[in-house]
Each structure stands twice: as C-alpha cells, then as structure tokens.
C-alpha cells in the first residue's frame, strides 16, 4: 500500500504536518485519534480516563488494525507504538516516518497534557512516556525527521526529502 504514516510524541506535529503533506502529495489524510473517537463514541481523554491506559492502548491497536486505505497520509496517536500488533499492521500499509522532537521542545509546546487524551498512567510525566516511547519510535521508523522550531513548510520539505 502506498501510504505515509507519521509517528511521534503528542505535540510533534503529526496531524498538522500530515494535512499539509497530504495536500502537497494529493493524498487523503487520516488521523487515527479521530478514528478511535468515532469508533468508540467518546473523546480520547474520556476513553483514557474511563478505560484505563492499557485498555485504551488495546482499543487503539484494534482501530489501527481495522484501517484500510491507500494513498493516504496517516497521523497516528503518540501511543500507537505501545502495541506491536498495531505497528505491524502499519508497517504493511506504508512507510513510517518518525517526527522526532526533543523533550524540551515538547514540554514547551504541550500545556494541556491532562486533557489532551495522552495515554499516560496517573503519576506519569511527559518525560516518563518520552523515555519509554522514543526507542519504540526509532525501532519502527523507516526514517526519522528531526523537527523543532522550523516552519511547517520546512518540516514538510524534510519529510518529502526523507521519502525520496
């Protein structure tokens, strides 16, 4: 399948970059967070709070495994890497690009971590989930694009270069 899958931490710009990338390539755009909300009938934060992190992660993997698309830019939830089966499905669907953003920049960008729908257990910090997920993003990525304070257009250009 000819899809481009964006992975990375919440706040790395997957959805925003994904929309611009899809427009640039003439692809469709799909945000897995919205797919999960539609499937489950609840906002992400309500799902995390109501189901607990582990069950939420299972539901996220279920939603990813059920997806079927082509010529689509897919922006995943930051926690998608926490379930092998979901990532194995994404690997069969296209190229996986890791949008890598340093922790310090993530902390500067994210001010709503308690309401954003981030899969984190009570007492966990952004640093905890960053340390856990960063090796998983690297493991599953076909290539990594470092993002930070550049413009969205510069980030899209970097992704396009990485895809060539």
N, C-alpha and C. Protein backbone atom coordinates (compact mmCIF):
# COMPACT_ATOMS: atom_id res chain seq x y z
N UNK A 1 0.84 -1.19 0.00
CA UNK A 1 0.00 0.00 0.00
C UNK A 1 0.87 1.24 0.00
N UNK A 2 0.39 2.27 -0.60
CA UNK A 2 1.16 3.48 -0.81
C UNK A 2 0.74 4.57 0.16
N UNK A 3 0.94 4.33 1.45
CA UNK A 3 0.59 5.30 2.48
C UNK A 3 1.85 5.83 3.14
N UNK A 4 1.70 6.97 3.80
CA UNK A 4 2.78 7.54 4.61
C UNK A 4 2.23 7.67 6.02
N UNK A 5 2.93 7.06 6.96
CA UNK A 5 2.47 7.02 8.34
C UNK A 5 3.40 7.85 9.20
N UNK A 6 2.84 8.81 9.94
CA UNK A 6 3.62 9.67 10.82
C UNK A 6 3.46 9.19 12.25
N UNK A 7 4.60 8.95 12.91
CA UNK A 7 4.59 8.58 14.32
C UNK A 7 5.43 9.59 15.09
N UNK A 8 5.21 9.64 16.40
CA UNK A 8 5.96 10.55 17.25
C UNK A 8 5.14 10.93 18.46
N UNK A 9 5.77 11.66 19.33
CA UNK A 9 5.12 12.08 20.57
C UNK A 9 3.96 13.04 20.30
N UNK A 10 3.01 13.10 21.24
CA UNK A 10 1.98 14.13 21.15
C UNK A 10 2.66 15.50 21.11
N UNK A 11 2.21 16.36 20.23
CA UNK A 11 2.81 17.68 20.13
C UNK A 11 3.92 17.77 19.11
N UNK A 12 4.31 16.66 18.48
CA UNK A 12 5.38 16.68 17.50
C UNK A 12 4.92 17.27 16.16
N UNK A 13 3.62 17.37 15.96
CA UNK A 13 3.09 17.98 14.74
C UNK A 13 2.58 16.99 13.71
N UNK A 14 2.31 15.76 14.12
CA UNK A 14 1.89 14.72 13.17
C UNK A 14 0.64 15.12 12.39
N UNK A 15 -0.37 15.60 13.08
CA UNK A 15 -1.63 15.95 12.41
C UNK A 15 -1.47 17.17 11.52
N UNK A 16 -0.82 18.19 12.02
CA UNK A 16 -0.65 19.43 11.25
C UNK A 16 0.23 19.20 10.03
N UNK A 17 1.36 18.55 10.24
CA UNK A 17 2.26 18.22 9.13
C UNK A 17 1.56 17.27 8.17
N UNK A 18 0.81 16.32 8.72
CA UNK A 18 0.13 15.34 7.88
C UNK A 18 -0.85 15.96 6.92
N UNK A 19 -1.62 16.93 7.36
CA UNK A 19 -2.58 17.61 6.48
C UNK A 19 -1.84 18.31 5.34
N UNK A 20 -0.78 19.04 5.68
CA UNK A 20 -0.02 19.76 4.65
C UNK A 20 0.67 18.79 3.69
N UNK A 21 1.19 17.70 4.22
CA UNK A 21 1.85 16.69 3.38
C UNK A 21 0.84 16.06 2.42
N UNK A 22 -0.36 15.74 2.94
CA UNK A 22 -1.40 15.16 2.09
C UNK A 22 -1.79 16.12 0.97
N UNK A 23 -1.92 17.39 1.28
CA UNK A 23 -2.26 18.38 0.24
C UNK A 23 -1.15 18.47 -0.79
N UNK A 24 0.09 18.43 -0.33
CA UNK A 24 1.23 18.53 -1.24
C UNK A 24 1.30 17.34 -2.19
N UNK A 25 0.99 16.15 -1.69
CA UNK A 25 1.09 14.93 -2.48
C UNK A 25 -0.20 14.57 -3.22
N UNK A 26 -1.29 15.24 -2.89
CA UNK A 26 -2.58 14.87 -3.47
C UNK A 26 -3.12 13.58 -2.86
N UNK A 27 -2.77 13.33 -1.60
CA UNK A 27 -3.22 12.15 -0.87
C UNK A 27 -4.40 12.50 0.02
N UNK A 28 -5.08 11.48 0.50
CA UNK A 28 -6.09 11.66 1.55
C UNK A 28 -5.34 11.83 2.87
N UNK A 29 -6.06 12.25 3.89
CA UNK A 29 -5.49 12.40 5.23
C UNK A 29 -6.37 11.67 6.23
N UNK A 30 -5.74 10.97 7.16
CA UNK A 30 -6.46 10.23 8.20
C UNK A 30 -5.75 10.43 9.53
N UNK A 31 -6.49 10.79 10.55
CA UNK A 31 -5.95 10.95 11.90
C UNK A 31 -6.51 9.81 12.75
N UNK A 32 -5.64 8.94 13.23
CA UNK A 32 -6.13 7.76 13.96
C UNK A 32 -6.81 8.14 15.27
N UNK A 33 -6.45 9.27 15.86
CA UNK A 33 -7.15 9.71 17.07
C UNK A 33 -8.63 9.93 16.77
N UNK A 34 -8.91 10.52 15.62
CA UNK A 34 -10.31 10.76 15.24
C UNK A 34 -11.02 9.45 14.89
N UNK A 35 -10.28 8.51 14.30
CA UNK A 35 -10.86 7.20 14.00
C UNK A 35 -11.29 6.52 15.30
N UNK A 36 -10.43 6.57 16.32
CA UNK A 36 -10.74 5.95 17.62
C UNK A 36 -11.95 6.62 18.25
N UNK A 37 -11.98 7.94 18.24
CA UNK A 37 -13.12 8.67 18.81
C UNK A 37 -14.41 8.29 18.11
N UNK A 38 -14.36 8.17 16.81
CA UNK A 38 -15.56 7.80 16.04
C UNK A 38 -16.00 6.38 16.38
N UNK A 39 -15.03 5.46 16.41
CA UNK A 39 -15.35 4.05 16.71
C UNK A 39 -15.94 3.88 18.10
N UNK A 40 -15.37 4.60 19.06
CA UNK A 40 -15.74 4.42 20.46
C UNK A 40 -16.85 5.35 20.93
N UNK A 41 -17.10 6.42 20.18
CA UNK A 41 -18.16 7.35 20.55
C UNK A 41 -17.83 8.25 21.74
N UNK A 42 -16.54 8.43 22.00
CA UNK A 42 -16.11 9.28 23.12
C UNK A 42 -14.83 10.02 22.75
N UNK A 43 -14.57 11.11 23.43
CA UNK A 43 -13.31 11.82 23.26
C UNK A 43 -12.16 10.98 23.80
N UNK A 44 -10.97 11.20 23.27
CA UNK A 44 -9.80 10.42 23.71
C UNK A 44 -9.60 10.48 25.21
N UNK A 45 -9.63 11.67 25.78
CA UNK A 45 -9.37 11.79 27.21
C UNK A 45 -10.41 11.02 28.02
N UNK A 46 -11.66 11.05 27.59
CA UNK A 46 -12.70 10.29 28.27
C UNK A 46 -12.43 8.79 28.17
N UNK A 47 -11.92 8.35 27.02
CA UNK A 47 -11.59 6.94 26.84
C UNK A 47 -10.43 6.53 27.76
N UNK A 48 -9.38 7.33 27.79
CA UNK A 48 -8.24 7.02 28.65
C UNK A 48 -8.69 6.99 30.11
N UNK A 49 -9.47 7.99 30.52
CA UNK A 49 -9.95 8.06 31.91
C UNK A 49 -10.89 6.91 32.24
N UNK A 50 -11.79 6.59 31.32
CA UNK A 50 -12.80 5.57 31.59
C UNK A 50 -12.31 4.14 31.46
N UNK A 51 -11.45 3.89 30.49
CA UNK A 51 -10.99 2.53 30.23
C UNK A 51 -9.70 2.18 30.95
N UNK A 52 -8.93 3.20 31.27
CA UNK A 52 -7.57 2.98 31.77
C UNK A 52 -6.62 2.91 30.58
N UNK A 53 -5.35 3.13 30.84
CA UNK A 53 -4.36 3.24 29.78
C UNK A 53 -4.23 1.94 28.99
N UNK A 54 -4.12 0.80 29.66
CA UNK A 54 -3.88 -0.45 28.95
C UNK A 54 -5.03 -0.84 28.02
N UNK A 55 -6.25 -0.69 28.49
CA UNK A 55 -7.40 -1.00 27.64
C UNK A 55 -7.50 0.00 26.49
N UNK A 56 -7.21 1.27 26.79
CA UNK A 56 -7.19 2.27 25.72
C UNK A 56 -6.19 1.87 24.63
N UNK A 57 -5.00 1.45 25.04
CA UNK A 57 -3.97 1.06 24.07
C UNK A 57 -4.43 -0.12 23.22
N UNK A 58 -5.15 -1.05 23.84
CA UNK A 58 -5.70 -2.18 23.09
C UNK A 58 -6.73 -1.70 22.07
N UNK A 59 -7.59 -0.78 22.47
CA UNK A 59 -8.61 -0.25 21.55
C UNK A 59 -7.97 0.54 20.41
N UNK A 60 -6.91 1.26 20.74
CA UNK A 60 -6.19 2.00 19.70
C UNK A 60 -5.62 1.02 18.67
N UNK A 61 -5.02 -0.06 19.13
CA UNK A 61 -4.47 -1.08 18.22
C UNK A 61 -5.59 -1.72 17.40
N UNK A 62 -6.74 -1.97 18.02
CA UNK A 62 -7.89 -2.52 17.28
C UNK A 62 -8.27 -1.60 16.13
N UNK A 63 -8.34 -0.31 16.41
CA UNK A 63 -8.73 0.67 15.39
C UNK A 63 -7.71 0.70 14.26
N UNK A 64 -6.44 0.68 14.60
CA UNK A 64 -5.38 0.71 13.58
C UNK A 64 -5.43 -0.56 12.73
N UNK A 65 -5.61 -1.69 13.37
CA UNK A 65 -5.64 -2.96 12.63
C UNK A 65 -6.83 -3.05 11.69
N UNK A 66 -7.90 -2.31 11.97
CA UNK A 66 -9.09 -2.34 11.13
C UNK A 66 -9.02 -1.35 9.96
N UNK A 67 -8.03 -0.49 9.95
CA UNK A 67 -7.93 0.52 8.89
C UNK A 67 -7.56 -0.12 7.56
N UNK A 68 -8.12 0.44 6.49
CA UNK A 68 -7.78 0.00 5.14
C UNK A 68 -7.83 1.23 4.25
N UNK A 69 -6.68 1.68 3.81
CA UNK A 69 -6.63 2.88 2.97
C UNK A 69 -5.42 2.81 2.05
N UNK A 70 -5.43 3.67 1.05
CA UNK A 70 -4.33 3.74 0.10
C UNK A 70 -4.14 5.19 -0.29
N UNK A 71 -2.89 5.55 -0.60
CA UNK A 71 -2.55 6.93 -0.95
C UNK A 71 -3.09 7.89 0.10
N UNK A 72 -2.74 7.59 1.35
CA UNK A 72 -3.22 8.36 2.49
C UNK A 72 -2.04 8.69 3.40
N UNK A 73 -2.03 9.91 3.90
CA UNK A 73 -1.11 10.29 4.97
C UNK A 73 -1.85 10.01 6.27
N UNK A 74 -1.26 9.18 7.11
CA UNK A 74 -1.88 8.76 8.37
C UNK A 74 -1.11 9.36 9.53
N UNK A 75 -1.79 10.20 10.31
CA UNK A 75 -1.21 10.74 11.54
C UNK A 75 -1.71 9.85 12.68
N UNK A 76 -0.78 9.22 13.36
CA UNK A 76 -1.15 8.30 14.44
C UNK A 76 -1.15 9.00 15.78
N UNK A 77 -1.81 8.37 16.74
CA UNK A 77 -1.70 8.83 18.12
C UNK A 77 -0.31 8.52 18.63
N UNK A 78 0.17 9.31 19.55
CA UNK A 78 1.53 9.11 20.06
C UNK A 78 1.76 7.77 20.71
N UNK A 79 0.70 7.14 21.18
CA UNK A 79 0.84 5.87 21.90
C UNK A 79 0.72 4.65 20.99
N UNK A 80 0.55 4.84 19.69
CA UNK A 80 0.36 3.71 18.78
C UNK A 80 1.52 2.71 18.86
N UNK A 81 2.72 3.19 19.18
CA UNK A 81 3.90 2.31 19.23
C UNK A 81 3.88 1.38 20.44
N UNK A 82 2.94 1.57 21.33
CA UNK A 82 2.88 0.76 22.55
C UNK A 82 2.28 -0.63 22.34
N UNK A 83 1.76 -0.89 21.16
CA UNK A 83 1.20 -2.21 20.84
C UNK A 83 1.81 -2.71 19.53
N UNK A 84 2.55 -3.82 19.62
CA UNK A 84 3.23 -4.37 18.44
C UNK A 84 2.27 -4.66 17.30
N UNK A 85 1.09 -5.20 17.60
CA UNK A 85 0.20 -5.59 16.51
C UNK A 85 -0.27 -4.40 15.69
N UNK A 86 -0.47 -3.27 16.33
CA UNK A 86 -0.84 -2.07 15.59
C UNK A 86 0.30 -1.59 14.70
N UNK A 87 1.50 -1.63 15.23
CA UNK A 87 2.65 -1.20 14.44
C UNK A 87 2.95 -2.18 13.32
N UNK A 88 2.75 -3.46 13.56
CA UNK A 88 2.95 -4.43 12.49
C UNK A 88 1.97 -4.18 11.35
N UNK A 89 0.74 -3.84 11.68
CA UNK A 89 -0.25 -3.50 10.65
C UNK A 89 0.18 -2.25 9.88
N UNK A 90 0.62 -1.23 10.60
CA UNK A 90 1.04 0.00 9.92
C UNK A 90 2.23 -0.27 9.00
N UNK A 91 3.14 -1.13 9.42
CA UNK A 91 4.31 -1.47 8.59
C UNK A 91 3.87 -2.05 7.24
N UNK A 92 2.76 -2.79 7.24
CA UNK A 92 2.29 -3.37 5.97
C UNK A 92 1.59 -2.34 5.10
N UNK A 93 1.24 -1.20 5.68
CA UNK A 93 0.44 -0.21 4.97
C UNK A 93 1.26 0.87 4.27
N UNK A 94 2.52 1.03 4.64
CA UNK A 94 3.31 2.09 4.01
C UNK A 94 4.58 2.39 4.76
N UNK A 95 5.17 3.52 4.41
CA UNK A 95 6.42 3.96 5.03
C UNK A 95 6.12 4.73 6.30
N UNK A 96 6.90 4.46 7.32
CA UNK A 96 6.70 5.08 8.63
C UNK A 96 7.78 6.12 8.87
N UNK A 97 7.33 7.35 9.11
CA UNK A 97 8.22 8.48 9.37
C UNK A 97 8.05 8.90 10.82
N UNK A 98 9.16 8.93 11.55
CA UNK A 98 9.17 9.37 12.94
C UNK A 98 9.48 10.86 12.98
N UNK A 99 8.53 11.65 13.45
CA UNK A 99 8.77 13.07 13.68
C UNK A 99 9.35 13.21 15.08
N UNK A 100 10.65 13.39 15.13
CA UNK A 100 11.38 13.43 16.41
C UNK A 100 11.49 14.87 16.90
N UNK A 101 10.97 15.10 18.07
CA UNK A 101 11.02 16.41 18.71
C UNK A 101 11.66 16.22 20.07
N UNK A 102 12.69 17.02 20.40
CA UNK A 102 13.32 16.88 21.72
C UNK A 102 12.33 17.13 22.86
N UNK A 103 12.56 16.47 23.97
CA UNK A 103 11.67 16.58 25.13
C UNK A 103 11.48 18.04 25.57
N UNK A 104 12.53 18.81 25.55
CA UNK A 104 12.42 20.21 26.00
C UNK A 104 11.42 20.98 25.13
N UNK A 105 11.44 20.72 23.83
CA UNK A 105 10.52 21.41 22.93
C UNK A 105 9.09 20.90 23.13
N UNK A 106 8.95 19.59 23.38
CA UNK A 106 7.62 19.04 23.68
C UNK A 106 7.03 19.71 24.91
N UNK A 107 7.83 19.83 25.95
CA UNK A 107 7.35 20.46 27.19
C UNK A 107 6.96 21.91 26.94
N UNK A 108 7.66 22.59 26.05
CA UNK A 108 7.33 23.97 25.72
C UNK A 108 6.00 24.03 24.96
N UNK A 109 5.76 23.04 24.08
CA UNK A 109 4.55 23.04 23.24
C UNK A 109 3.30 22.58 23.97
N UNK A 110 3.43 21.59 24.84
CA UNK A 110 2.25 20.96 25.45
C UNK A 110 1.91 21.60 26.79
N UNK A 111 0.73 22.17 26.84
CA UNK A 111 0.26 22.78 28.08
C UNK A 111 -1.00 22.10 28.59
N UNK A 112 -1.55 21.20 27.81
CA UNK A 112 -2.84 20.60 28.15
C UNK A 112 -2.73 19.07 28.27
N UNK A 113 -1.66 18.58 28.90
CA UNK A 113 -1.45 17.13 28.91
C UNK A 113 -2.51 16.38 29.71
N UNK A 114 -3.19 17.04 30.61
CA UNK A 114 -4.21 16.33 31.40
C UNK A 114 -5.55 16.23 30.68
N UNK A 115 -5.71 16.99 29.59
CA UNK A 115 -6.99 16.97 28.87
C UNK A 115 -6.83 16.62 27.39
N UNK A 116 -5.63 16.38 26.94
CA UNK A 116 -5.36 16.19 25.51
C UNK A 116 -5.63 14.77 25.04
N UNK A 117 -5.83 13.84 25.93
CA UNK A 117 -6.05 12.46 25.52
C UNK A 117 -4.76 11.68 25.39
N UNK A 118 -3.76 12.06 26.15
CA UNK A 118 -2.47 11.37 26.12
C UNK A 118 -2.56 10.14 27.02
N UNK A 119 -2.17 9.00 26.47
CA UNK A 119 -2.23 7.74 27.22
C UNK A 119 -1.09 7.70 28.23
N UNK A 120 -1.36 8.18 29.41
CA UNK A 120 -0.37 8.14 30.48
C UNK A 120 -1.06 7.82 31.79
N UNK A 121 -0.42 6.95 32.54
CA UNK A 121 -0.99 6.50 33.81
C UNK A 121 -0.87 7.61 34.86
N UNK A 122 -1.72 7.55 35.88
CA UNK A 122 -1.60 8.53 36.96
C UNK A 122 -0.17 8.52 37.53
N UNK A 123 0.38 9.71 37.71
CA UNK A 123 1.72 9.83 38.25
C UNK A 123 2.82 9.86 37.19
N UNK A 124 2.49 9.45 35.98
CA UNK A 124 3.48 9.51 34.90
C UNK A 124 3.64 10.95 34.43
N UNK A 125 4.84 11.24 33.97
CA UNK A 125 5.12 12.56 33.42
C UNK A 125 5.39 12.44 31.92
N UNK A 126 5.44 13.56 31.27
CA UNK A 126 5.79 13.58 29.86
C UNK A 126 7.18 12.97 29.66
N UNK A 127 8.09 13.24 30.57
CA UNK A 127 9.45 12.67 30.48
C UNK A 127 9.41 11.14 30.57
N UNK A 128 8.54 10.61 31.44
CA UNK A 128 8.42 9.14 31.55
C UNK A 128 7.98 8.53 30.22
N UNK A 129 6.92 9.08 29.64
CA UNK A 129 6.43 8.46 28.41
C UNK A 129 7.39 8.71 27.25
N UNK A 130 8.08 9.83 27.25
CA UNK A 130 9.09 10.11 26.23
C UNK A 130 10.20 9.05 26.29
N UNK A 131 10.70 8.81 27.49
CA UNK A 131 11.78 7.82 27.67
C UNK A 131 11.34 6.42 27.27
N UNK A 132 10.08 6.09 27.52
CA UNK A 132 9.56 4.76 27.15
C UNK A 132 9.33 4.64 25.64
N UNK A 133 8.77 5.68 25.03
CA UNK A 133 8.36 5.59 23.63
C UNK A 133 9.47 5.88 22.63
N UNK A 134 10.43 6.73 22.97
CA UNK A 134 11.45 7.12 21.98
C UNK A 134 12.15 5.92 21.34
N UNK A 135 12.56 4.90 22.11
CA UNK A 135 13.18 3.73 21.46
C UNK A 135 12.20 2.97 20.55
N UNK A 136 10.92 2.99 20.89
CA UNK A 136 9.92 2.31 20.07
C UNK A 136 9.72 3.05 18.74
N UNK A 137 9.67 4.38 18.81
CA UNK A 137 9.56 5.16 17.57
C UNK A 137 10.74 4.85 16.66
N UNK A 138 11.93 4.83 17.24
CA UNK A 138 13.14 4.56 16.44
C UNK A 138 13.11 3.16 15.85
N UNK A 139 12.62 2.21 16.62
CA UNK A 139 12.57 0.81 16.16
C UNK A 139 11.65 0.64 14.95
N UNK A 140 10.50 1.28 14.98
CA UNK A 140 9.51 1.09 13.94
C UNK A 140 9.67 2.00 12.73
N UNK A 141 10.41 3.09 12.88
CA UNK A 141 10.50 4.08 11.81
C UNK A 141 11.36 3.59 10.65
N UNK A 142 10.88 3.88 9.44
CA UNK A 142 11.69 3.68 8.25
C UNK A 142 12.70 4.82 8.12
N UNK A 143 12.31 6.00 8.58
CA UNK A 143 13.25 7.12 8.65
C UNK A 143 12.76 8.12 9.70
N UNK A 144 13.69 8.94 10.15
CA UNK A 144 13.42 9.92 11.19
C UNK A 144 13.62 11.32 10.63
N UNK A 145 12.69 12.20 10.95
CA UNK A 145 12.81 13.61 10.59
C UNK A 145 12.83 14.39 11.90
N UNK A 146 13.91 15.14 12.09
CA UNK A 146 14.02 15.96 13.30
C UNK A 146 13.23 17.24 13.10
N UNK A 147 12.34 17.49 14.04
CA UNK A 147 11.52 18.69 13.99
C UNK A 147 11.81 19.53 15.22
N UNK A 148 11.46 20.77 15.13
CA UNK A 148 11.71 21.68 16.25
C UNK A 148 11.06 23.00 15.99
N UNK A 149 11.87 24.01 15.85
CA UNK A 149 11.33 25.36 15.69
C UNK A 149 11.27 25.82 14.24
N UNK A 150 11.50 24.91 13.28
CA UNK A 150 11.38 25.30 11.88
C UNK A 150 9.90 25.47 11.53
N UNK A 151 9.66 26.05 10.37
CA UNK A 151 8.27 26.25 9.94
C UNK A 151 7.66 24.92 9.54
N UNK A 152 6.33 24.91 9.45
CA UNK A 152 5.64 23.71 8.98
C UNK A 152 6.06 23.36 7.56
N UNK A 153 6.21 24.36 6.73
CA UNK A 153 6.63 24.12 5.35
C UNK A 153 8.01 23.47 5.31
N UNK A 154 8.92 23.91 6.18
CA UNK A 154 10.26 23.30 6.24
C UNK A 154 10.17 21.85 6.70
N UNK A 155 9.28 21.59 7.64
CA UNK A 155 9.12 20.21 8.11
C UNK A 155 8.56 19.32 7.00
N UNK A 156 7.56 19.81 6.28
CA UNK A 156 7.00 19.04 5.16
C UNK A 156 8.10 18.77 4.13
N UNK A 157 8.91 19.77 3.84
CA UNK A 157 10.01 19.59 2.87
C UNK A 157 10.99 18.53 3.37
N UNK A 158 11.27 18.51 4.67
CA UNK A 158 12.16 17.49 5.23
C UNK A 158 11.56 16.09 5.07
N UNK A 159 10.26 15.96 5.32
CA UNK A 159 9.60 14.66 5.17
C UNK A 159 9.67 14.21 3.71
N UNK A 160 9.41 15.13 2.79
CA UNK A 160 9.46 14.78 1.37
C UNK A 160 10.87 14.34 0.98
N UNK A 161 11.89 15.00 1.48
CA UNK A 161 13.29 14.58 1.20
C UNK A 161 13.53 13.19 1.78
N UNK A 162 13.03 12.91 2.96
CA UNK A 162 13.23 11.62 3.60
C UNK A 162 12.55 10.49 2.83
N UNK A 163 11.45 10.81 2.16
CA UNK A 163 10.71 9.82 1.40
C UNK A 163 11.39 9.47 0.07
N UNK A 164 12.26 10.32 -0.41
CA UNK A 164 12.91 10.08 -1.71
C UNK A 164 14.00 9.06 -1.61
